[in-house]
Amino acid sequence: MRDRGPASGVPDIMGSVHRFIVTIEGHGWTESDVLELLEPPDEGEPIETKLGTCVVTHAELLPNAEHGTIVCRLP
C-alpha cells in the first residue's frame, strides 16, 4: 500500500481515481455517462453503465491526466 504522505499515517488504498466520459453507442443513437475508474479498461472489456453492460471499443487516458474518454457499444 502507498502512503498519502509521511505525516498522514493513512495508507492510500484507492490509488488515483480518474473520471471518464463514456459514449455509449447504439443503433442510430448515442448516450453519455460518467464513470470513475482506477485505470482505463481494455478494448473488448465489459463495463457497467447507466444503460447496462457495454463492450469497450476505445478507451484513452493521457499521461498525467485526471480525465479520459471511453467509447462502448451495447452487446
N, C-alpha and C. Protein backbone atom coordinates (compact mmCIF):
# COMPACT_ATOMS: atom_id res chain seq x y z
N MET A 1 0.83 -1.19 0.00
CA MET A 1 0.00 0.00 0.00
C MET A 1 0.87 1.25 0.00
N ARG A 2 0.41 2.24 -0.74
CA ARG A 2 1.12 3.51 -0.74
C ARG A 2 0.58 4.38 0.39
N ASP A 3 1.45 5.22 0.94
CA ASP A 3 1.02 6.18 1.95
C ASP A 3 0.68 7.50 1.29
N ARG A 4 -0.27 8.21 1.86
CA ARG A 4 -0.62 9.52 1.35
C ARG A 4 0.46 10.54 1.66
N GLY A 5 1.25 10.25 2.59
CA GLY A 5 2.35 11.14 2.95
C GLY A 5 2.95 10.67 4.26
N PRO A 6 4.18 11.06 4.54
CA PRO A 6 4.83 10.56 5.74
C PRO A 6 4.13 11.01 7.02
N ALA A 7 3.49 12.15 7.01
CA ALA A 7 2.87 12.65 8.23
C ALA A 7 1.44 12.14 8.41
N SER A 8 0.80 11.69 7.34
CA SER A 8 -0.62 11.33 7.45
C SER A 8 -0.82 10.01 8.17
N GLY A 9 0.06 9.03 7.92
CA GLY A 9 -0.11 7.72 8.52
C GLY A 9 -1.29 6.95 7.97
N VAL A 10 -1.94 7.47 6.92
CA VAL A 10 -3.11 6.82 6.31
C VAL A 10 -2.69 6.20 4.99
N PRO A 11 -2.85 4.88 4.83
CA PRO A 11 -2.48 4.26 3.56
C PRO A 11 -3.42 4.66 2.44
N ASP A 12 -2.88 4.79 1.24
CA ASP A 12 -3.68 5.12 0.06
C ASP A 12 -4.08 3.82 -0.60
N ILE A 13 -5.28 3.31 -0.27
CA ILE A 13 -5.71 2.03 -0.81
C ILE A 13 -6.38 2.16 -2.16
N MET A 14 -6.80 3.36 -2.54
CA MET A 14 -7.51 3.55 -3.78
C MET A 14 -6.61 3.88 -4.96
N GLY A 15 -5.48 4.52 -4.75
CA GLY A 15 -4.68 4.98 -5.86
C GLY A 15 -5.34 6.20 -6.47
N SER A 16 -4.99 6.51 -7.70
CA SER A 16 -5.56 7.68 -8.36
C SER A 16 -6.83 7.28 -9.10
N VAL A 17 -7.92 7.92 -8.76
CA VAL A 17 -9.19 7.65 -9.44
C VAL A 17 -9.33 8.67 -10.57
N HIS A 18 -9.66 8.17 -11.75
CA HIS A 18 -9.80 9.01 -12.93
C HIS A 18 -11.27 9.04 -13.34
N ARG A 19 -11.71 10.19 -13.81
CA ARG A 19 -13.09 10.33 -14.30
C ARG A 19 -13.08 10.15 -15.82
N PHE A 20 -13.96 9.29 -16.30
CA PHE A 20 -14.06 9.01 -17.73
C PHE A 20 -15.42 9.44 -18.25
N ILE A 21 -15.41 10.16 -19.37
CA ILE A 21 -16.63 10.48 -20.09
C ILE A 21 -16.88 9.29 -21.02
N VAL A 22 -18.03 8.64 -20.87
CA VAL A 22 -18.34 7.43 -21.62
C VAL A 22 -19.38 7.76 -22.70
N THR A 23 -19.08 7.39 -23.93
CA THR A 23 -20.05 7.49 -25.02
C THR A 23 -20.55 6.08 -25.30
N ILE A 24 -21.84 5.90 -25.12
CA ILE A 24 -22.48 4.60 -25.35
C ILE A 24 -23.14 4.67 -26.72
N GLU A 25 -22.76 3.75 -27.60
CA GLU A 25 -23.29 3.75 -28.96
C GLU A 25 -24.30 2.64 -29.15
N GLY A 26 -25.43 2.99 -29.73
CA GLY A 26 -26.45 2.02 -30.10
C GLY A 26 -26.69 2.11 -31.59
N HIS A 27 -27.76 1.51 -32.06
CA HIS A 27 -28.11 1.56 -33.49
C HIS A 27 -28.77 2.89 -33.80
N GLY A 28 -28.00 3.84 -34.31
CA GLY A 28 -28.52 5.14 -34.69
C GLY A 28 -28.66 6.14 -33.55
N TRP A 29 -28.06 5.89 -32.39
CA TRP A 29 -28.15 6.82 -31.28
C TRP A 29 -26.88 6.72 -30.42
N THR A 30 -26.65 7.74 -29.63
CA THR A 30 -25.56 7.73 -28.64
C THR A 30 -26.08 8.32 -27.33
N GLU A 31 -25.48 7.92 -26.25
CA GLU A 31 -25.82 8.40 -24.91
C GLU A 31 -24.51 8.60 -24.16
N SER A 32 -24.51 9.48 -23.18
CA SER A 32 -23.30 9.75 -22.40
C SER A 32 -23.48 9.32 -20.95
N ASP A 33 -22.36 9.00 -20.31
CA ASP A 33 -22.32 8.63 -18.91
C ASP A 33 -20.97 9.07 -18.36
N VAL A 34 -20.81 9.06 -17.07
CA VAL A 34 -19.53 9.37 -16.43
C VAL A 34 -19.22 8.23 -15.46
N LEU A 35 -17.99 7.71 -15.55
CA LEU A 35 -17.53 6.66 -14.65
C LEU A 35 -16.24 7.09 -13.98
N GLU A 36 -16.02 6.63 -12.76
CA GLU A 36 -14.76 6.84 -12.08
C GLU A 36 -14.08 5.48 -11.94
N LEU A 37 -12.88 5.39 -12.52
CA LEU A 37 -12.13 4.13 -12.54
C LEU A 37 -10.67 4.40 -12.18
N LEU A 38 -9.98 3.36 -11.73
CA LEU A 38 -8.56 3.48 -11.42
C LEU A 38 -7.71 3.55 -12.67
N GLU A 39 -8.15 2.87 -13.72
CA GLU A 39 -7.40 2.85 -14.98
C GLU A 39 -8.37 2.62 -16.13
N PRO A 40 -7.97 2.98 -17.34
CA PRO A 40 -8.88 2.76 -18.48
C PRO A 40 -9.07 1.27 -18.75
N PRO A 41 -10.26 0.86 -19.14
CA PRO A 41 -10.48 -0.55 -19.48
C PRO A 41 -9.86 -0.88 -20.83
N ASP A 42 -9.64 -2.16 -21.07
CA ASP A 42 -9.10 -2.64 -22.34
C ASP A 42 -10.22 -2.77 -23.37
N GLU A 43 -9.85 -2.70 -24.66
CA GLU A 43 -10.84 -2.94 -25.72
C GLU A 43 -11.42 -4.34 -25.55
N GLY A 44 -12.73 -4.44 -25.73
CA GLY A 44 -13.42 -5.72 -25.59
C GLY A 44 -13.87 -6.03 -24.18
N GLU A 45 -13.41 -5.26 -23.20
CA GLU A 45 -13.77 -5.48 -21.80
C GLU A 45 -15.18 -4.96 -21.54
N PRO A 46 -15.99 -5.70 -20.79
CA PRO A 46 -17.33 -5.19 -20.44
C PRO A 46 -17.23 -4.18 -19.31
N ILE A 47 -18.06 -3.13 -19.37
CA ILE A 47 -18.16 -2.16 -18.29
C ILE A 47 -19.63 -1.92 -18.00
N GLU A 48 -19.93 -1.53 -16.77
CA GLU A 48 -21.31 -1.24 -16.38
C GLU A 48 -21.58 0.26 -16.53
N THR A 49 -22.62 0.60 -17.27
CA THR A 49 -23.03 1.99 -17.46
C THR A 49 -24.47 2.14 -16.99
N LYS A 50 -24.99 3.35 -17.09
CA LYS A 50 -26.38 3.58 -16.68
C LYS A 50 -27.38 2.83 -17.56
N LEU A 51 -26.94 2.38 -18.75
CA LEU A 51 -27.81 1.62 -19.64
C LEU A 51 -27.57 0.12 -19.57
N GLY A 52 -26.70 -0.30 -18.66
CA GLY A 52 -26.38 -1.72 -18.53
C GLY A 52 -24.96 -2.01 -18.97
N THR A 53 -24.68 -3.27 -19.24
CA THR A 53 -23.34 -3.70 -19.63
C THR A 53 -23.05 -3.32 -21.07
N CYS A 54 -21.89 -2.70 -21.30
CA CYS A 54 -21.44 -2.32 -22.63
C CYS A 54 -20.06 -2.90 -22.87
N VAL A 55 -19.68 -3.04 -24.13
CA VAL A 55 -18.37 -3.55 -24.52
C VAL A 55 -17.52 -2.37 -24.99
N VAL A 56 -16.33 -2.23 -24.42
CA VAL A 56 -15.44 -1.11 -24.73
C VAL A 56 -14.86 -1.28 -26.14
N THR A 57 -14.98 -0.23 -26.96
CA THR A 57 -14.39 -0.23 -28.29
C THR A 57 -13.17 0.68 -28.35
N HIS A 58 -13.08 1.65 -27.43
CA HIS A 58 -11.93 2.55 -27.37
C HIS A 58 -11.88 3.18 -25.97
N ALA A 59 -10.68 3.29 -25.41
CA ALA A 59 -10.50 3.97 -24.12
C ALA A 59 -9.18 4.71 -24.16
N GLU A 60 -9.19 5.93 -23.61
CA GLU A 60 -7.98 6.74 -23.65
C GLU A 60 -7.86 7.56 -22.36
N LEU A 61 -6.66 7.53 -21.79
CA LEU A 61 -6.31 8.38 -20.66
C LEU A 61 -4.90 8.87 -20.93
N LEU A 62 -4.76 10.15 -21.17
CA LEU A 62 -3.45 10.72 -21.46
C LEU A 62 -2.59 10.71 -20.20
N PRO A 63 -1.27 10.60 -20.35
CA PRO A 63 -0.38 10.60 -19.17
C PRO A 63 -0.61 11.84 -18.31
N ASN A 64 -0.62 11.63 -17.01
CA ASN A 64 -0.79 12.69 -16.01
C ASN A 64 -2.14 13.40 -16.08
N ALA A 65 -3.12 12.80 -16.74
CA ALA A 65 -4.46 13.40 -16.85
C ALA A 65 -5.38 12.80 -15.80
N GLU A 66 -6.34 13.59 -15.36
CA GLU A 66 -7.34 13.12 -14.41
C GLU A 66 -8.61 12.63 -15.12
N HIS A 67 -8.80 13.08 -16.37
CA HIS A 67 -9.99 12.73 -17.14
C HIS A 67 -9.60 11.95 -18.39
N GLY A 68 -10.48 11.04 -18.80
CA GLY A 68 -10.25 10.28 -20.01
C GLY A 68 -11.56 10.06 -20.74
N THR A 69 -11.49 9.31 -21.83
CA THR A 69 -12.69 9.02 -22.61
C THR A 69 -12.80 7.51 -22.86
N ILE A 70 -14.02 7.06 -22.94
CA ILE A 70 -14.32 5.66 -23.25
C ILE A 70 -15.45 5.66 -24.27
N VAL A 71 -15.33 4.83 -25.30
CA VAL A 71 -16.42 4.59 -26.24
C VAL A 71 -16.79 3.13 -26.10
N CYS A 72 -18.08 2.86 -25.97
CA CYS A 72 -18.52 1.47 -25.86
C CYS A 72 -19.82 1.27 -26.62
N ARG A 73 -20.17 0.02 -26.82
CA ARG A 73 -21.42 -0.31 -27.53
C ARG A 73 -22.19 -1.34 -26.74
N LEU A 74 -23.47 -1.30 -26.90
CA LEU A 74 -24.31 -2.32 -26.27
C LEU A 74 -24.11 -3.64 -27.00
N PRO A 75 -24.08 -4.74 -26.28
CA PRO A 75 -23.86 -6.03 -26.94
C PRO A 75 -25.03 -6.46 -27.80
